[in-house]
C-alpha cells in the first residue's frame, strides 16, 4: 500500500485574488488550463485539474463587487 505525501494547501491573501490555478509558483511542466477558484463559500477550493487545495489566510476578508 503506497501513501500519498500530504501537500499543504496554498494559502492566499486578499492581494492574490482572484484566485486561479496553476499559480505563478508552479513549474511550467505541471501546467494545465487556467481555472479560476471560488473561495467565497467556506474559504477554500480545490483545483479540478491537479487537486491543489487553496485556502484563504486567517483574517482575510473578501470584498464584494
PDB file of N, CA and C in Angstrom:
ATOM      1  N   UNK A   1       0.861  -1.166   0.000  1.00  0.00           N
ATOM      2  CA  UNK A   1       0.000   0.000   0.000  1.00  0.00           C
ATOM      3  C   UNK A   1       0.910   1.232   0.000  1.00  0.00           C
ATOM      4  N   UNK A   2       0.708   2.135  -0.969  1.00  0.00           N
ATOM      5  CA  UNK A   2       1.503   3.355  -1.011  1.00  0.00           C
ATOM      6  C   UNK A   2       0.744   4.490  -0.332  1.00  0.00           C
ATOM      7  N   UNK A   3       1.506   5.362   0.299  1.00  0.00           N
ATOM      8  CA  UNK A   3       0.921   6.502   0.991  1.00  0.00           C
ATOM      9  C   UNK A   3       1.247   7.755   0.187  1.00  0.00           C
ATOM     10  N   UNK A   4       0.220   8.499  -0.176  1.00  0.00           N
ATOM     11  CA  UNK A   4       0.402   9.728  -0.927  1.00  0.00           C
ATOM     12  C   UNK A   4       0.908  10.816   0.021  1.00  0.00           C
ATOM     13  N   UNK A   5       2.005  11.506  -0.347  1.00  0.00           N
ATOM     14  CA  UNK A   5       2.504  12.555   0.546  1.00  0.00           C
ATOM     15  C   UNK A   5       1.481  13.675   0.698  1.00  0.00           C
ATOM     16  N   UNK A   6       1.406  14.194   1.890  1.00  0.00           N
ATOM     17  CA  UNK A   6       0.461  15.267   2.169  1.00  0.00           C
ATOM     18  C   UNK A   6       1.064  16.613   1.756  1.00  0.00           C
ATOM     19  N   UNK A   7       0.398  17.285   0.847  1.00  0.00           N
ATOM     20  CA  UNK A   7       0.855  18.587   0.383  1.00  0.00           C
ATOM     21  C   UNK A   7       0.014  19.652   1.076  1.00  0.00           C
ATOM     22  N   UNK A   8       0.664  20.592   1.756  1.00  0.00           N
ATOM     23  CA  UNK A   8      -0.110  21.623   2.451  1.00  0.00           C
ATOM     24  C   UNK A   8      -0.847  22.511   1.456  1.00  0.00           C
ATOM     25  N   UNK A   9      -1.991  23.051   1.850  1.00  0.00           N
ATOM     26  CA  UNK A   9      -2.741  23.933   0.957  1.00  0.00           C
ATOM     27  C   UNK A   9      -1.970  25.214   0.667  1.00  0.00           C
ATOM     28  N   UNK A  10      -2.272  25.816  -0.471  1.00  0.00           N
ATOM     29  CA  UNK A  10      -1.696  27.109  -0.841  1.00  0.00           C
ATOM     30  C   UNK A  10      -2.529  28.167  -0.126  1.00  0.00           C
ATOM     31  N   UNK A  11      -1.891  28.969   0.717  1.00  0.00           N
ATOM     32  CA  UNK A  11      -2.596  29.993   1.489  1.00  0.00           C
ATOM     33  C   UNK A  11      -2.566  31.310   0.721  1.00  0.00           C
ATOM     34  N   UNK A  12      -3.728  31.904   0.525  1.00  0.00           N
ATOM     35  CA  UNK A  12      -3.863  33.116  -0.262  1.00  0.00           C
ATOM     36  C   UNK A  12      -4.237  34.321   0.589  1.00  0.00           C
ATOM     37  N   UNK A  13      -3.693  35.462   0.221  1.00  0.00           N
ATOM     38  CA  UNK A  13      -4.043  36.750   0.829  1.00  0.00           C
ATOM     39  C   UNK A  13      -5.043  37.450  -0.103  1.00  0.00           C
ATOM     40  N   UNK A  14      -5.633  38.533   0.360  1.00  0.00           N
ATOM     41  CA  UNK A  14      -6.574  39.296  -0.469  1.00  0.00           C
ATOM     42  C   UNK A  14      -5.899  39.796  -1.749  1.00  0.00           C
ATOM     43  N   UNK A  15      -4.612  40.094  -1.680  1.00  0.00           N
ATOM     44  CA  UNK A  15      -3.891  40.586  -2.861  1.00  0.00           C
ATOM     45  C   UNK A  15      -3.689  39.504  -3.921  1.00  0.00           C
ATOM     46  N   UNK A  16      -3.899  38.230  -3.572  1.00  0.00           N
ATOM     47  CA  UNK A  16      -3.747  37.117  -4.513  1.00  0.00           C
ATOM     48  C   UNK A  16      -5.033  36.843  -5.298  1.00  0.00           C
ATOM     49  N   UNK A  17      -6.090  37.537  -4.972  1.00  0.00           N
ATOM     50  CA  UNK A  17      -7.385  37.303  -5.614  1.00  0.00           C
ATOM     51  C   UNK A  17      -7.535  38.152  -6.865  1.00  0.00           C
ATOM     52  N   UNK A  18      -8.208  37.697  -7.902  1.00  0.00           N
ATOM     53  CA  UNK A  18      -8.945  36.445  -7.966  1.00  0.00           C
ATOM     54  C   UNK A  18      -7.992  35.252  -8.025  1.00  0.00           C
ATOM     55  N   UNK A  19      -8.355  34.198  -7.332  1.00  0.00           N
ATOM     56  CA  UNK A  19      -7.520  33.009  -7.243  1.00  0.00           C
ATOM     57  C   UNK A  19      -7.642  32.179  -8.510  1.00  0.00           C
ATOM     58  N   UNK A  20      -6.511  31.640  -8.939  1.00  0.00           N
ATOM     59  CA  UNK A  20      -6.527  30.756 -10.102  1.00  0.00           C
ATOM     60  C   UNK A  20      -5.437  29.708  -9.974  1.00  0.00           C
ATOM     61  N   UNK A  21      -5.619  28.626 -10.694  1.00  0.00           N
ATOM     62  CA  UNK A  21      -4.646  27.553 -10.754  1.00  0.00           C
ATOM     63  C   UNK A  21      -4.431  27.234 -12.224  1.00  0.00           C
ATOM     64  N   UNK A  22      -3.215  27.009 -12.680  1.00  0.00           N
ATOM     65  CA  UNK A  22      -1.997  26.935 -11.910  1.00  0.00           C
ATOM     66  C   UNK A  22      -1.586  28.301 -11.399  1.00  0.00           C
ATOM     67  N   UNK A  23      -0.901  28.299 -10.270  1.00  0.00           N
ATOM     68  CA  UNK A  23      -0.447  29.560  -9.687  1.00  0.00           C
ATOM     69  C   UNK A  23       0.965  29.879 -10.191  1.00  0.00           C
ATOM     70  N   UNK A  24       1.415  31.108 -10.059  1.00  0.00           N
ATOM     71  CA  UNK A  24       2.724  31.508 -10.590  1.00  0.00           C
ATOM     72  C   UNK A  24       3.907  30.722 -10.024  1.00  0.00           C
ATOM     73  N   UNK A  25       3.769  30.111  -8.855  1.00  0.00           N
ATOM     74  CA  UNK A  25       4.871  29.373  -8.257  1.00  0.00           C
ATOM     75  C   UNK A  25       5.012  27.955  -8.812  1.00  0.00           C
ATOM     76  N   UNK A  26       4.024  27.485  -9.570  1.00  0.00           N
ATOM     77  CA  UNK A  26       4.076  26.119 -10.091  1.00  0.00           C
ATOM     78  C   UNK A  26       5.036  26.028 -11.270  1.00  0.00           C
ATOM     79  N   UNK A  27       5.767  24.914 -11.376  1.00  0.00           N
ATOM     80  CA  UNK A  27       6.683  24.757 -12.511  1.00  0.00           C
ATOM     81  C   UNK A  27       5.918  24.611 -13.823  1.00  0.00           C
ATOM     82  N   UNK A  28       6.522  25.050 -14.906  1.00  0.00           N
ATOM     83  CA  UNK A  28       5.880  25.030 -16.217  1.00  0.00           C
ATOM     84  C   UNK A  28       5.452  23.622 -16.626  1.00  0.00           C
ATOM     85  N   UNK A  29       6.236  22.604 -16.268  1.00  0.00           N
ATOM     86  CA  UNK A  29       5.911  21.240 -16.681  1.00  0.00           C
ATOM     87  C   UNK A  29       4.601  20.739 -16.086  1.00  0.00           C
ATOM     88  N   UNK A  30       4.164  21.317 -14.984  1.00  0.00           N
ATOM     89  CA  UNK A  30       2.924  20.858 -14.356  1.00  0.00           C
ATOM     90  C   UNK A  30       1.730  21.733 -14.726  1.00  0.00           C
ATOM     91  N   UNK A  31       1.885  22.518 -15.764  1.00  0.00           N
ATOM     92  CA  UNK A  31       0.857  23.465 -16.167  1.00  0.00           C
ATOM     93  C   UNK A  31      -0.383  22.761 -16.738  1.00  0.00           C
ATOM     94  N   UNK A  32      -1.511  23.395 -16.572  1.00  0.00           N
ATOM     95  CA  UNK A  32      -2.783  22.941 -17.142  1.00  0.00           C
ATOM     96  C   UNK A  32      -3.595  24.186 -17.463  1.00  0.00           C
ATOM     97  N   UNK A  33      -4.745  24.061 -18.137  1.00  0.00           N
ATOM     98  CA  UNK A  33      -5.548  25.268 -18.429  1.00  0.00           C
ATOM     99  C   UNK A  33      -5.882  26.022 -17.145  1.00  0.00           C
ATOM    100  N   UNK A  34      -5.908  27.360 -17.236  1.00  0.00           N
ATOM    101  CA  UNK A  34      -6.195  28.187 -16.063  1.00  0.00           C
ATOM    102  C   UNK A  34      -7.636  27.982 -15.608  1.00  0.00           C
ATOM    103  N   UNK A  35      -7.778  27.777 -14.304  1.00  0.00           N
ATOM    104  CA  UNK A  35      -9.077  27.597 -13.667  1.00  0.00           C
ATOM    105  C   UNK A  35      -9.190  28.648 -12.580  1.00  0.00           C
ATOM    106  N   UNK A  36     -10.266  29.430 -12.593  1.00  0.00           N
ATOM    107  CA  UNK A  36     -10.499  30.399 -11.517  1.00  0.00           C
ATOM    108  C   UNK A  36     -11.247  29.702 -10.400  1.00  0.00           C
ATOM    109  N   UNK A  37     -10.861  30.008  -9.169  1.00  0.00           N
ATOM    110  CA  UNK A  37     -11.376  29.309  -7.994  1.00  0.00           C
ATOM    111  C   UNK A  37     -12.268  30.218  -7.157  1.00  0.00           C
ATOM    112  N   UNK A  38     -13.388  29.688  -6.718  1.00  0.00           N
ATOM    113  CA  UNK A  38     -14.332  30.424  -5.886  1.00  0.00           C
ATOM    114  C   UNK A  38     -14.081  30.082  -4.425  1.00  0.00           C
ATOM    115  N   UNK A  39     -13.528  31.042  -3.687  1.00  0.00           N
ATOM    116  CA  UNK A  39     -13.222  30.831  -2.273  1.00  0.00           C
ATOM    117  C   UNK A  39     -14.275  31.447  -1.358  1.00  0.00           C
ATOM    118  N   UNK A  40     -15.367  31.935  -1.937  1.00  0.00           N
ATOM    119  CA  UNK A  40     -16.368  32.653  -1.141  1.00  0.00           C
ATOM    120  C   UNK A  40     -17.252  31.731  -0.303  1.00  0.00           C
ATOM    121  N   UNK A  41     -17.216  30.451  -0.543  1.00  0.00           N
ATOM    122  CA  UNK A  41     -18.036  29.504   0.222  1.00  0.00           C
ATOM    123  C   UNK A  41     -17.138  28.630   1.076  1.00  0.00           C
ATOM    124  N   UNK A  42     -16.825  29.091   2.258  1.00  0.00           N
ATOM    125  CA  UNK A  42     -16.018  28.297   3.176  1.00  0.00           C
ATOM    126  C   UNK A  42     -14.544  28.647   3.197  1.00  0.00           C
ATOM    127  N   UNK A  43     -14.094  29.507   2.298  1.00  0.00           N
ATOM    128  CA  UNK A  43     -12.707  29.953   2.332  1.00  0.00           C
ATOM    129  C   UNK A  43     -11.688  28.998   1.752  1.00  0.00           C
ATOM    130  N   UNK A  44     -12.144  27.964   1.029  1.00  0.00           N
ATOM    131  CA  UNK A  44     -11.195  27.066   0.384  1.00  0.00           C
ATOM    132  C   UNK A  44     -11.785  26.530  -0.910  1.00  0.00           C
ATOM    133  N   UNK A  45     -10.891  26.077  -1.798  1.00  0.00           N
ATOM    134  CA  UNK A  45     -11.302  25.499  -3.082  1.00  0.00           C
ATOM    135  C   UNK A  45     -10.216  24.537  -3.536  1.00  0.00           C
ATOM    136  N   UNK A  46     -10.614  23.562  -4.334  1.00  0.00           N
ATOM    137  CA  UNK A  46      -9.694  22.570  -4.869  1.00  0.00           C
ATOM    138  C   UNK A  46      -9.709  22.645  -6.387  1.00  0.00           C
ATOM    139  N   UNK A  47      -8.519  22.648  -6.992  1.00  0.00           N
ATOM    140  CA  UNK A  47      -8.407  22.682  -8.446  1.00  0.00           C
ATOM    141  C   UNK A  47      -8.919  21.364  -9.025  1.00  0.00           C
ATOM    142  N   UNK A  48      -9.788  21.454 -10.014  1.00  0.00           N
ATOM    143  CA  UNK A  48     -10.353  20.247 -10.617  1.00  0.00           C
ATOM    144  C   UNK A  48      -9.362  19.520 -11.517  1.00  0.00           C
ATOM    145  N   UNK A  49      -8.291  20.172 -11.936  1.00  0.00           N
ATOM    146  CA  UNK A  49      -7.282  19.524 -12.769  1.00  0.00           C
ATOM    147  C   UNK A  49      -6.224  18.792 -11.951  1.00  0.00           C
ATOM    148  N   UNK A  50      -5.609  19.485 -10.999  1.00  0.00           N
ATOM    149  CA  UNK A  50      -4.449  18.906 -10.315  1.00  0.00           C
ATOM    150  C   UNK A  50      -4.694  18.574  -8.850  1.00  0.00           C
ATOM    151  N   UNK A  51      -5.820  19.008  -8.289  1.00  0.00           N
ATOM    152  CA  UNK A  51      -6.140  18.689  -6.908  1.00  0.00           C
ATOM    153  C   UNK A  51      -5.496  19.591  -5.876  1.00  0.00           C
ATOM    154  N   UNK A  52      -4.794  20.651  -6.319  1.00  0.00           N
ATOM    155  CA  UNK A  52      -4.189  21.582  -5.366  1.00  0.00           C
ATOM    156  C   UNK A  52      -5.290  22.270  -4.568  1.00  0.00           C
ATOM    157  N   UNK A  53      -5.102  22.335  -3.261  1.00  0.00           N
ATOM    158  CA  UNK A  53      -6.080  22.972  -2.382  1.00  0.00           C
ATOM    159  C   UNK A  53      -5.603  24.387  -2.079  1.00  0.00           C
ATOM    160  N   UNK A  54      -6.506  25.340  -2.197  1.00  0.00           N
ATOM    161  CA  UNK A  54      -6.246  26.750  -1.905  1.00  0.00           C
ATOM    162  C   UNK A  54      -7.130  27.167  -0.751  1.00  0.00           C
ATOM    163  N   UNK A  55      -6.566  27.920   0.198  1.00  0.00           N
ATOM    164  CA  UNK A  55      -7.340  28.427   1.326  1.00  0.00           C
ATOM    165  C   UNK A  55      -7.016  29.907   1.531  1.00  0.00           C
ATOM    166  N   UNK A  56      -7.953  30.604   2.139  1.00  0.00           N
ATOM    167  CA  UNK A  56      -7.707  31.998   2.494  1.00  0.00           C
ATOM    168  C   UNK A  56      -6.930  32.048   3.804  1.00  0.00           C
ATOM    169  N   UNK A  57      -5.981  32.954   3.873  1.00  0.00           N
ATOM    170  CA  UNK A  57      -5.217  33.142   5.105  1.00  0.00           C
ATOM    171  C   UNK A  57      -6.166  33.611   6.210  1.00  0.00           C
ATOM    172  N   UNK A  58      -5.901  33.231   7.450  1.00  0.00           N
ATOM    173  CA  UNK A  58      -6.761  33.670   8.552  1.00  0.00           C
ATOM    174  C   UNK A  58      -6.856  35.205   8.581  1.00  0.00           C
ATOM    175  N   UNK A  59      -8.077  35.683   8.729  1.00  0.00           N
ATOM    176  CA  UNK A  59      -8.311  37.132   8.787  1.00  0.00           C
ATOM    177  C   UNK A  59      -8.514  37.787   7.441  1.00  0.00           C
ATOM    178  N   UNK A  60      -8.366  37.042   6.335  1.00  0.00           N
ATOM    179  CA  UNK A  60      -8.551  37.622   5.013  1.00  0.00           C
ATOM    180  C   UNK A  60     -10.034  37.894   4.785  1.00  0.00           C
ATOM    181  N   UNK A  61     -10.338  39.101   4.335  1.00  0.00           N
ATOM    182  CA  UNK A  61     -11.723  39.498   4.097  1.00  0.00           C
ATOM    183  C   UNK A  61     -11.952  39.617   2.598  1.00  0.00           C
ATOM    184  N   UNK A  62     -12.995  38.940   2.112  1.00  0.00           N
ATOM    185  CA  UNK A  62     -13.363  39.029   0.707  1.00  0.00           C
ATOM    186  C   UNK A  62     -14.241  40.255   0.520  1.00  0.00           C
ATOM    187  N   UNK A  63     -13.939  41.039  -0.489  1.00  0.00           N
ATOM    188  CA  UNK A  63     -14.746  42.230  -0.788  1.00  0.00           C
ATOM    189  C   UNK A  63     -15.701  41.921  -1.910  1.00  0.00           C
ATOM    190  N   UNK A  64     -16.962  42.271  -1.721  1.00  0.00           N
ATOM    191  CA  UNK A  64     -17.970  42.049  -2.762  1.00  0.00           C
ATOM    192  C   UNK A  64     -17.810  43.112  -3.855  1.00  0.00           C
ATOM    193  N   UNK A  65     -18.163  42.728  -5.062  1.00  0.00           N
ATOM    194  CA  UNK A  65     -18.081  43.665  -6.184  1.00  0.00           C
ATOM    195  C   UNK A  65     -19.411  44.321  -6.412  1.00  0.00           C
TER     196      UNK A  65
END
